[in-house]
Amino acid sequence: MLAIENVSKKFRAGNFGVRDLSLAATSGVIGLLGPNGAGKTTLMQMIATITRPTSGRIYFAAPTSRNSLTSCGARSVICRRTSAFTTA
């Protein structure tokens, strides 16, 4: 599962690429649709760890009965739970 919690990306010019986005994507095919400038590419870059979000967190989690986080490193995708980015 991919979890995105309150993620925002604010650029130096002051405009937002993504503002306060939260979602949980489970298995299956997910589509990302929106007009030009909606933040689709910025979101994908943050998920791929190419760009850091200004705030919020993005992490990958395998379905499990435990609620604890097991750290596997910021760039790891294949593990029980991985935090891609966490900001204060």
PDB file of N, CA and C in Angstrom:
ATOM      1  N   MET A   1       0.838  -1.178   0.000  1.00  0.00           N
ATOM      2  CA  MET A   1       0.000   0.000   0.000  1.00  0.00           C
ATOM      3  C   MET A   1       0.884   1.244   0.000  1.00  0.00           C
ATOM      4  N   LEU A   2       0.508   2.211  -0.763  1.00  0.00           N
ATOM      5  CA  LEU A   2       1.153   3.515  -0.784  1.00  0.00           C
ATOM      6  C   LEU A   2       0.287   4.460   0.037  1.00  0.00           C
ATOM      7  N   ALA A   3       0.895   5.122   1.008  1.00  0.00           N
ATOM      8  CA  ALA A   3       0.154   6.075   1.832  1.00  0.00           C
ATOM      9  C   ALA A   3       0.793   7.449   1.704  1.00  0.00           C
ATOM     10  N   ILE A   4      -0.036   8.438   1.479  1.00  0.00           N
ATOM     11  CA  ILE A   4       0.401   9.827   1.370  1.00  0.00           C
ATOM     12  C   ILE A   4      -0.416  10.616   2.382  1.00  0.00           C
ATOM     13  N   GLU A   5       0.283  11.289   3.289  1.00  0.00           N
ATOM     14  CA  GLU A   5      -0.396  11.999   4.372  1.00  0.00           C
ATOM     15  C   GLU A   5      -0.036  13.479   4.363  1.00  0.00           C
ATOM     16  N   ASN A   6      -1.007  14.329   4.087  1.00  0.00           N
ATOM     17  CA  ASN A   6      -0.878  15.788   4.151  1.00  0.00           C
ATOM     18  C   ASN A   6       0.359  16.313   3.424  1.00  0.00           C
ATOM     19  N   VAL A   7       0.602  15.826   2.221  1.00  0.00           N
ATOM     20  CA  VAL A   7       1.790  16.197   1.457  1.00  0.00           C
ATOM     21  C   VAL A   7       1.561  17.499   0.693  1.00  0.00           C
ATOM     22  N   SER A   8       2.535  18.383   0.813  1.00  0.00           N
ATOM     23  CA  SER A   8       2.541  19.631   0.048  1.00  0.00           C
ATOM     24  C   SER A   8       3.927  19.839  -0.528  1.00  0.00           C
ATOM     25  N   LYS A   9       3.989  20.484  -1.674  1.00  0.00           N
ATOM     26  CA  LYS A   9       5.254  20.890  -2.280  1.00  0.00           C
ATOM     27  C   LYS A   9       5.107  22.345  -2.682  1.00  0.00           C
ATOM     28  N   LYS A  10       5.874  23.208  -2.003  1.00  0.00           N
ATOM     29  CA  LYS A  10       5.852  24.634  -2.300  1.00  0.00           C
ATOM     30  C   LYS A  10       7.185  24.991  -2.934  1.00  0.00           C
ATOM     31  N   PHE A  11       7.137  25.636  -4.090  1.00  0.00           N
ATOM     32  CA  PHE A  11       8.342  26.009  -4.812  1.00  0.00           C
ATOM     33  C   PHE A  11       8.868  27.352  -4.320  1.00  0.00           C
ATOM     34  N   ARG A  12      10.103  27.668  -4.691  1.00  0.00           N
ATOM     35  CA  ARG A  12      10.761  28.906  -4.241  1.00  0.00           C
ATOM     36  C   ARG A  12       9.972  30.158  -4.599  1.00  0.00           C
ATOM     37  N   ALA A  13       9.305  30.140  -5.731  1.00  0.00           N
ATOM     38  CA  ALA A  13       8.522  31.299  -6.172  1.00  0.00           C
ATOM     39  C   ALA A  13       7.275  31.515  -5.312  1.00  0.00           C
ATOM     40  N   GLY A  14       6.951  30.532  -4.462  1.00  0.00           N
ATOM     41  CA  GLY A  14       5.800  30.666  -3.579  1.00  0.00           C
ATOM     42  C   GLY A  14       4.564  29.913  -4.036  1.00  0.00           C
ATOM     43  N   ASN A  15       4.576  29.388  -5.257  1.00  0.00           N
ATOM     44  CA  ASN A  15       3.419  28.633  -5.736  1.00  0.00           C
ATOM     45  C   ASN A  15       3.526  27.172  -5.307  1.00  0.00           C
ATOM     46  N   PHE A  16       2.375  26.509  -5.198  1.00  0.00           N
ATOM     47  CA  PHE A  16       2.317  25.110  -4.786  1.00  0.00           C
ATOM     48  C   PHE A  16       2.228  24.200  -6.003  1.00  0.00           C
ATOM     49  N   GLY A  17       3.011  23.129  -6.013  1.00  0.00           N
ATOM     50  CA  GLY A  17       2.868  22.074  -7.012  1.00  0.00           C
ATOM     51  C   GLY A  17       1.812  21.087  -6.549  1.00  0.00           C
ATOM     52  N   VAL A  18       1.803  20.805  -5.247  1.00  0.00           N
ATOM     53  CA  VAL A  18       0.823  19.930  -4.598  1.00  0.00           C
ATOM     54  C   VAL A  18       0.511  20.581  -3.262  1.00  0.00           C
ATOM     55  N   ARG A  19      -0.757  20.608  -2.883  1.00  0.00           N
ATOM     56  CA  ARG A  19      -1.127  21.232  -1.609  1.00  0.00           C
ATOM     57  C   ARG A  19      -2.014  20.304  -0.790  1.00  0.00           C
ATOM     58  N   ASP A  20      -1.504  19.889   0.371  1.00  0.00           N
ATOM     59  CA  ASP A  20      -2.242  19.133   1.388  1.00  0.00           C
ATOM     60  C   ASP A  20      -2.980  17.918   0.810  1.00  0.00           C
ATOM     61  N   LEU A  21      -2.240  17.028   0.165  1.00  0.00           N
ATOM     62  CA  LEU A  21      -2.806  15.826  -0.446  1.00  0.00           C
ATOM     63  C   LEU A  21      -2.670  14.638   0.495  1.00  0.00           C
ATOM     64  N   SER A  22      -3.745  13.899   0.683  1.00  0.00           N
ATOM     65  CA  SER A  22      -3.729  12.662   1.457  1.00  0.00           C
ATOM     66  C   SER A  22      -4.464  11.592   0.664  1.00  0.00           C
ATOM     67  N   LEU A  23      -3.876  10.394   0.611  1.00  0.00           N
ATOM     68  CA  LEU A  23      -4.545   9.259  -0.025  1.00  0.00           C
ATOM     69  C   LEU A  23      -3.870   7.965   0.392  1.00  0.00           C
ATOM     70  N   ALA A  24      -4.602   6.878   0.238  1.00  0.00           N
ATOM     71  CA  ALA A  24      -4.067   5.540   0.474  1.00  0.00           C
ATOM     72  C   ALA A  24      -4.417   4.704  -0.747  1.00  0.00           C
ATOM     73  N   ALA A  25      -3.404   4.218  -1.445  1.00  0.00           N
ATOM     74  CA  ALA A  25      -3.608   3.423  -2.655  1.00  0.00           C
ATOM     75  C   ALA A  25      -3.276   1.969  -2.345  1.00  0.00           C
ATOM     76  N   THR A  26      -4.234   1.090  -2.537  1.00  0.00           N
ATOM     77  CA  THR A  26      -4.011  -0.337  -2.320  1.00  0.00           C
ATOM     78  C   THR A  26      -3.686  -0.997  -3.650  1.00  0.00           C
ATOM     79  N   SER A  27      -3.776  -2.289  -3.737  1.00  0.00           N
ATOM     80  CA  SER A  27      -3.408  -3.001  -4.956  1.00  0.00           C
ATOM     81  C   SER A  27      -4.354  -2.646  -6.104  1.00  0.00           C
ATOM     82  N   GLY A  28      -3.874  -2.854  -7.303  1.00  0.00           N
ATOM     83  CA  GLY A  28      -4.668  -2.570  -8.483  1.00  0.00           C
ATOM     84  C   GLY A  28      -4.032  -1.486  -9.324  1.00  0.00           C
ATOM     85  N   VAL A  29      -4.731  -1.088 -10.360  1.00  0.00           N
ATOM     86  CA  VAL A  29      -4.254  -0.052 -11.260  1.00  0.00           C
ATOM     87  C   VAL A  29      -4.863   1.274 -10.816  1.00  0.00           C
ATOM     88  N   ILE A  30      -4.016   2.264 -10.626  1.00  0.00           N
ATOM     89  CA  ILE A  30      -4.465   3.583 -10.179  1.00  0.00           C
ATOM     90  C   ILE A  30      -4.182   4.585 -11.289  1.00  0.00           C
ATOM     91  N   GLY A  31      -5.134   5.422 -11.608  1.00  0.00           N
ATOM     92  CA  GLY A  31      -4.953   6.465 -12.605  1.00  0.00           C
ATOM     93  C   GLY A  31      -4.767   7.806 -11.913  1.00  0.00           C
ATOM     94  N   LEU A  32      -3.952   8.644 -12.502  1.00  0.00           N
ATOM     95  CA  LEU A  32      -3.707   9.981 -11.975  1.00  0.00           C
ATOM     96  C   LEU A  32      -4.066  10.972 -13.080  1.00  0.00           C
ATOM     97  N   LEU A  33      -5.220  11.593 -12.951  1.00  0.00           N
ATOM     98  CA  LEU A  33      -5.731  12.484 -13.989  1.00  0.00           C
ATOM     99  C   LEU A  33      -5.863  13.900 -13.464  1.00  0.00           C
ATOM    100  N   GLY A  34      -5.661  14.867 -14.338  1.00  0.00           N
ATOM    101  CA  GLY A  34      -5.833  16.265 -13.966  1.00  0.00           C
ATOM    102  C   GLY A  34      -5.361  17.158 -15.082  1.00  0.00           C
ATOM    103  N   PRO A  35      -5.747  18.430 -15.038  1.00  0.00           N
ATOM    104  CA  PRO A  35      -5.329  19.368 -16.083  1.00  0.00           C
ATOM    105  C   PRO A  35      -3.842  19.708 -15.967  1.00  0.00           C
ATOM    106  N   ASN A  36      -3.314  20.360 -16.989  1.00  0.00           N
ATOM    107  CA  ASN A  36      -1.926  20.819 -16.948  1.00  0.00           C
ATOM    108  C   ASN A  36      -1.721  21.696 -15.721  1.00  0.00           C
ATOM    109  N   GLY A  37      -0.606  21.489 -15.030  1.00  0.00           N
ATOM    110  CA  GLY A  37      -0.295  22.298 -13.859  1.00  0.00           C
ATOM    111  C   GLY A  37      -0.972  21.851 -12.581  1.00  0.00           C
ATOM    112  N   ALA A  38      -1.650  20.686 -12.600  1.00  0.00           N
ATOM    113  CA  ALA A  38      -2.369  20.213 -11.413  1.00  0.00           C
ATOM    114  C   ALA A  38      -1.451  19.573 -10.376  1.00  0.00           C
ATOM    115  N   GLY A  39      -0.215  19.219 -10.754  1.00  0.00           N
ATOM    116  CA  GLY A  39       0.721  18.629  -9.808  1.00  0.00           C
ATOM    117  C   GLY A  39       0.949  17.140  -9.980  1.00  0.00           C
ATOM    118  N   LYS A  40       0.505  16.575 -11.093  1.00  0.00           N
ATOM    119  CA  LYS A  40       0.663  15.133 -11.325  1.00  0.00           C
ATOM    120  C   LYS A  40       2.130  14.728 -11.366  1.00  0.00           C
ATOM    121  N   THR A  41       2.932  15.422 -12.131  1.00  0.00           N
ATOM    122  CA  THR A  41       4.351  15.101 -12.252  1.00  0.00           C
ATOM    123  C   THR A  41       5.072  15.349 -10.940  1.00  0.00           C
ATOM    124  N   THR A  42       4.750  16.429 -10.256  1.00  0.00           N
ATOM    125  CA  THR A  42       5.368  16.722  -8.961  1.00  0.00           C
ATOM    126  C   THR A  42       5.064  15.616  -7.971  1.00  0.00           C
ATOM    127  N   LEU A  43       3.821  15.145  -7.934  1.00  0.00           N
ATOM    128  CA  LEU A  43       3.452  14.046  -7.041  1.00  0.00           C
ATOM    129  C   LEU A  43       4.239  12.788  -7.376  1.00  0.00           C
ATOM    130  N   MET A  44       4.314  12.428  -8.660  1.00  0.00           N
ATOM    131  CA  MET A  44       5.050  11.227  -9.053  1.00  0.00           C
ATOM    132  C   MET A  44       6.537  11.343  -8.710  1.00  0.00           C
ATOM    133  N   GLN A  45       7.113  12.537  -8.855  1.00  0.00           N
ATOM    134  CA  GLN A  45       8.511  12.744  -8.486  1.00  0.00           C
ATOM    135  C   GLN A  45       8.713  12.592  -6.986  1.00  0.00           C
ATOM    136  N   MET A  46       7.760  13.025  -6.185  1.00  0.00           N
ATOM    137  CA  MET A  46       7.868  12.852  -4.740  1.00  0.00           C
ATOM    138  C   MET A  46       7.723  11.386  -4.357  1.00  0.00           C
ATOM    139  N   ILE A  47       6.817  10.664  -4.986  1.00  0.00           N
ATOM    140  CA  ILE A  47       6.656   9.233  -4.711  1.00  0.00           C
ATOM    141  C   ILE A  47       7.929   8.478  -5.085  1.00  0.00           C
ATOM    142  N   ALA A  48       8.561   8.869  -6.180  1.00  0.00           N
ATOM    143  CA  ALA A  48       9.785   8.213  -6.653  1.00  0.00           C
ATOM    144  C   ALA A  48      11.037   8.701  -5.917  1.00  0.00           C
ATOM    145  N   THR A  49      10.871   9.584  -4.933  1.00  0.00           N
ATOM    146  CA  THR A  49      11.954  10.157  -4.124  1.00  0.00           C
ATOM    147  C   THR A  49      12.921  11.010  -4.942  1.00  0.00           C
ATOM    148  N   ILE A  50      12.461  11.574  -6.037  1.00  0.00           N
ATOM    149  CA  ILE A  50      13.279  12.482  -6.846  1.00  0.00           C
ATOM    150  C   ILE A  50      13.192  13.893  -6.269  1.00  0.00           C
ATOM    151  N   THR A  51      12.016  14.252  -5.777  1.00  0.00           N
ATOM    152  CA  THR A  51      11.757  15.559  -5.195  1.00  0.00           C
ATOM    153  C   THR A  51      11.257  15.372  -3.771  1.00  0.00           C
ATOM    154  N   ARG A  52      11.710  16.223  -2.853  1.00  0.00           N
ATOM    155  CA  ARG A  52      11.245  16.154  -1.465  1.00  0.00           C
ATOM    156  C   ARG A  52      10.003  17.026  -1.282  1.00  0.00           C
ATOM    157  N   PRO A  53       9.009  16.527  -0.545  1.00  0.00           N
ATOM    158  CA  PRO A  53       7.862  17.380  -0.241  1.00  0.00           C
ATOM    159  C   PRO A  53       8.251  18.455   0.773  1.00  0.00           C
ATOM    160  N   THR A  54       7.540  19.564   0.753  1.00  0.00           N
ATOM    161  CA  THR A  54       7.764  20.624   1.728  1.00  0.00           C
ATOM    162  C   THR A  54       7.219  20.208   3.086  1.00  0.00           C
ATOM    163  N   SER A  55       6.103  19.498   3.088  1.00  0.00           N
ATOM    164  CA  SER A  55       5.524  19.004   4.335  1.00  0.00           C
ATOM    165  C   SER A  55       4.767  17.717   4.068  1.00  0.00           C
ATOM    166  N   GLY A  56       4.483  16.976   5.121  1.00  0.00           N
ATOM    167  CA  GLY A  56       3.758  15.721   5.023  1.00  0.00           C
ATOM    168  C   GLY A  56       4.690  14.536   4.901  1.00  0.00           C
ATOM    169  N   ARG A  57       4.119  13.357   4.639  1.00  0.00           N
ATOM    170  CA  ARG A  57       4.941  12.162   4.500  1.00  0.00           C
ATOM    171  C   ARG A  57       4.355  11.195   3.488  1.00  0.00           C
ATOM    172  N   ILE A  58       5.246  10.450   2.854  1.00  0.00           N
ATOM    173  CA  ILE A  58       4.900   9.436   1.858  1.00  0.00           C
ATOM    174  C   ILE A  58       5.585   8.159   2.297  1.00  0.00           C
ATOM    175  N   TYR A  59       4.831   7.056   2.375  1.00  0.00           N
ATOM    176  CA  TYR A  59       5.476   5.797   2.723  1.00  0.00           C
ATOM    177  C   TYR A  59       4.771   4.627   2.063  1.00  0.00           C
ATOM    178  N   PHE A  60       5.514   3.546   1.938  1.00  0.00           N
ATOM    179  CA  PHE A  60       5.023   2.308   1.369  1.00  0.00           C
ATOM    180  C   PHE A  60       4.855   1.320   2.517  1.00  0.00           C
ATOM    181  N   ALA A  61       3.755   0.599   2.524  1.00  0.00           N
ATOM    182  CA  ALA A  61       3.516  -0.361   3.587  1.00  0.00           C
ATOM    183  C   ALA A  61       2.861  -1.610   3.014  1.00  0.00           C
ATOM    184  N   ALA A  62       3.392  -2.753   3.392  1.00  0.00           N
ATOM    185  CA  ALA A  62       2.768  -4.014   3.008  1.00  0.00           C
ATOM    186  C   ALA A  62       1.604  -4.268   3.958  1.00  0.00           C
ATOM    187  N   PRO A  63       0.526  -4.874   3.485  1.00  0.00           N
ATOM    188  CA  PRO A  63      -0.577  -5.186   4.387  1.00  0.00           C
ATOM    189  C   PRO A  63      -0.079  -6.086   5.521  1.00  0.00           C
ATOM    190  N   THR A  64      -0.332  -5.675   6.746  1.00  0.00           N
ATOM    191  CA  THR A  64       0.129  -6.423   7.906  1.00  0.00           C
ATOM    192  C   THR A  64      -0.827  -6.189   9.061  1.00  0.00           C
ATOM    193  N   SER A  65      -0.827  -7.100  10.012  1.00  0.00           N
ATOM    194  CA  SER A  65      -1.683  -6.945  11.171  1.00  0.00           C
ATOM    195  C   SER A  65      -1.035  -6.058  12.224  1.00  0.00           C
ATOM    196  N   ARG A  66       0.282  -5.818  12.098  1.00  0.00           N
ATOM    197  CA  ARG A  66       0.977  -4.960  13.052  1.00  0.00           C
ATOM    198  C   ARG A  66       0.865  -3.506  12.639  1.00  0.00           C
ATOM    199  N   ASN A  67       0.855  -2.622  13.608  1.00  0.00           N
ATOM    200  CA  ASN A  67       0.784  -1.195  13.331  1.00  0.00           C
ATOM    201  C   ASN A  67       2.125  -0.508  13.471  1.00  0.00           C
ATOM    202  N   SER A  68       3.170  -1.242  13.824  1.00  0.00           N
ATOM    203  CA  SER A  68       4.469  -0.626  14.050  1.00  0.00           C
ATOM    204  C   SER A  68       5.194  -0.403  12.735  1.00  0.00           C
ATOM    205  N   LEU A  69       6.057   0.594  12.726  1.00  0.00           N
ATOM    206  CA  LEU A  69       6.884   0.883  11.563  1.00  0.00           C
ATOM    207  C   LEU A  69       8.217   0.181  11.706  1.00  0.00           C
ATOM    208  N   THR A  70       8.679  -0.421  10.646  1.00  0.00           N
ATOM    209  CA  THR A  70      10.009  -1.010  10.601  1.00  0.00           C
ATOM    210  C   THR A  70      10.801  -0.237   9.576  1.00  0.00           C
ATOM    211  N   SER A  71      11.827   0.450  10.010  1.00  0.00           N
ATOM    212  CA  SER A  71      12.603   1.282   9.108  1.00  0.00           C
ATOM    213  C   SER A  71      13.507   0.426   8.243  1.00  0.00           C
ATOM    214  N   CYS A  72      13.463   0.667   6.945  1.00  0.00           N
ATOM    215  CA  CYS A  72      14.304  -0.072   6.003  1.00  0.00           C
ATOM    216  C   CYS A  72      15.158   0.865   5.169  1.00  0.00           C
ATOM    217  N   GLY A  73      15.153   2.138   5.449  1.00  0.00           N
ATOM    218  CA  GLY A  73      15.938   3.100   4.674  1.00  0.00           C
ATOM    219  C   GLY A  73      15.053   3.927   3.777  1.00  0.00           C
ATOM    220  N   ALA A  74      15.459   5.141   3.514  1.00  0.00           N
ATOM    221  CA  ALA A  74      14.622   6.087   2.790  1.00  0.00           C
ATOM    222  C   ALA A  74      14.429   5.733   1.324  1.00  0.00           C
ATOM    223  N   ARG A  75      15.320   4.983   0.705  1.00  0.00           N
ATOM    224  CA  ARG A  75      15.179   4.682  -0.717  1.00  0.00           C
ATOM    225  C   ARG A  75      14.660   3.277  -0.989  1.00  0.00           C
ATOM    226  N   SER A  76      14.392   2.508   0.035  1.00  0.00           N
ATOM    227  CA  SER A  76      13.931   1.137  -0.146  1.00  0.00           C
ATOM    228  C   SER A  76      12.432   1.107  -0.389  1.00  0.00           C
ATOM    229  N   VAL A  77      12.006   0.315  -1.354  1.00  0.00           N
ATOM    230  CA  VAL A  77      10.595   0.186  -1.648  1.00  0.00           C
ATOM    231  C   VAL A  77      10.090  -1.194  -1.256  1.00  0.00           C
ATOM    232  N   ILE A  78      10.937  -2.206  -1.308  1.00  0.00           N
ATOM    233  CA  ILE A  78      10.507  -3.569  -1.040  1.00  0.00           C
ATOM    234  C   ILE A  78      10.883  -3.932   0.392  1.00  0.00           C
ATOM    235  N   CYS A  79       9.959  -3.695   1.302  1.00  0.00           N
ATOM    236  CA  CYS A  79      10.111  -4.083   2.705  1.00  0.00           C
ATOM    237  C   CYS A  79       8.749  -3.945   3.368  1.00  0.00           C
ATOM    238  N   ARG A  80       8.646  -4.315   4.614  1.00  0.00           N
ATOM    239  CA  ARG A  80       7.340  -4.291   5.275  1.00  0.00           C
ATOM    240  C   ARG A  80       6.771  -2.887   5.368  1.00  0.00           C
ATOM    241  N   ARG A  81       7.572  -1.935   5.798  1.00  0.00           N
ATOM    242  CA  ARG A  81       7.144  -0.533   5.825  1.00  0.00           C
ATOM    243  C   ARG A  81       8.342   0.338   5.566  1.00  0.00           C
ATOM    244  N   THR A  82       8.191   1.296   4.686  1.00  0.00           N
ATOM    245  CA  THR A  82       9.301   2.171   4.329  1.00  0.00           C
ATOM    246  C   THR A  82       8.819   3.599   4.275  1.00  0.00           C
ATOM    247  N   SER A  83       9.492   4.467   4.936  1.00  0.00           N
ATOM    248  CA  SER A  83       9.179   5.888   4.848  1.00  0.00           C
ATOM    249  C   SER A  83      10.006   6.481   3.735  1.00  0.00           C
ATOM    250  N   ALA A  84       9.360   6.945   2.686  1.00  0.00           N
ATOM    251  CA  ALA A  84      10.094   7.569   1.594  1.00  0.00           C
ATOM    252  C   ALA A  84      10.538   8.959   2.014  1.00  0.00           C
ATOM    253  N   PHE A  85       9.632   9.713   2.577  1.00  0.00           N
ATOM    254  CA  PHE A  85       9.958  11.053   3.057  1.00  0.00           C
ATOM    255  C   PHE A  85       9.093  11.349   4.271  1.00  0.00           C
ATOM    256  N   THR A  86       9.665  11.995   5.239  1.00  0.00           N
ATOM    257  CA  THR A  86       8.927  12.532   6.368  1.00  0.00           C
ATOM    258  C   THR A  86       9.479  13.914   6.647  1.00  0.00           C
ATOM    259  N   THR A  87       8.621  14.888   6.745  1.00  0.00           N
ATOM    260  CA  THR A  87       9.067  16.240   7.055  1.00  0.00           C
ATOM    261  C   THR A  87       8.417  16.697   8.336  1.00  0.00           C
ATOM    262  N   ALA A  88       9.043  17.617   8.999  1.00  0.00           N
ATOM    263  CA  ALA A  88       8.500  18.127  10.263  1.00  0.00           C
ATOM    264  C   ALA A  88       7.471  19.195  10.033  1.00  0.00           C
TER     265      ALA A  88
END
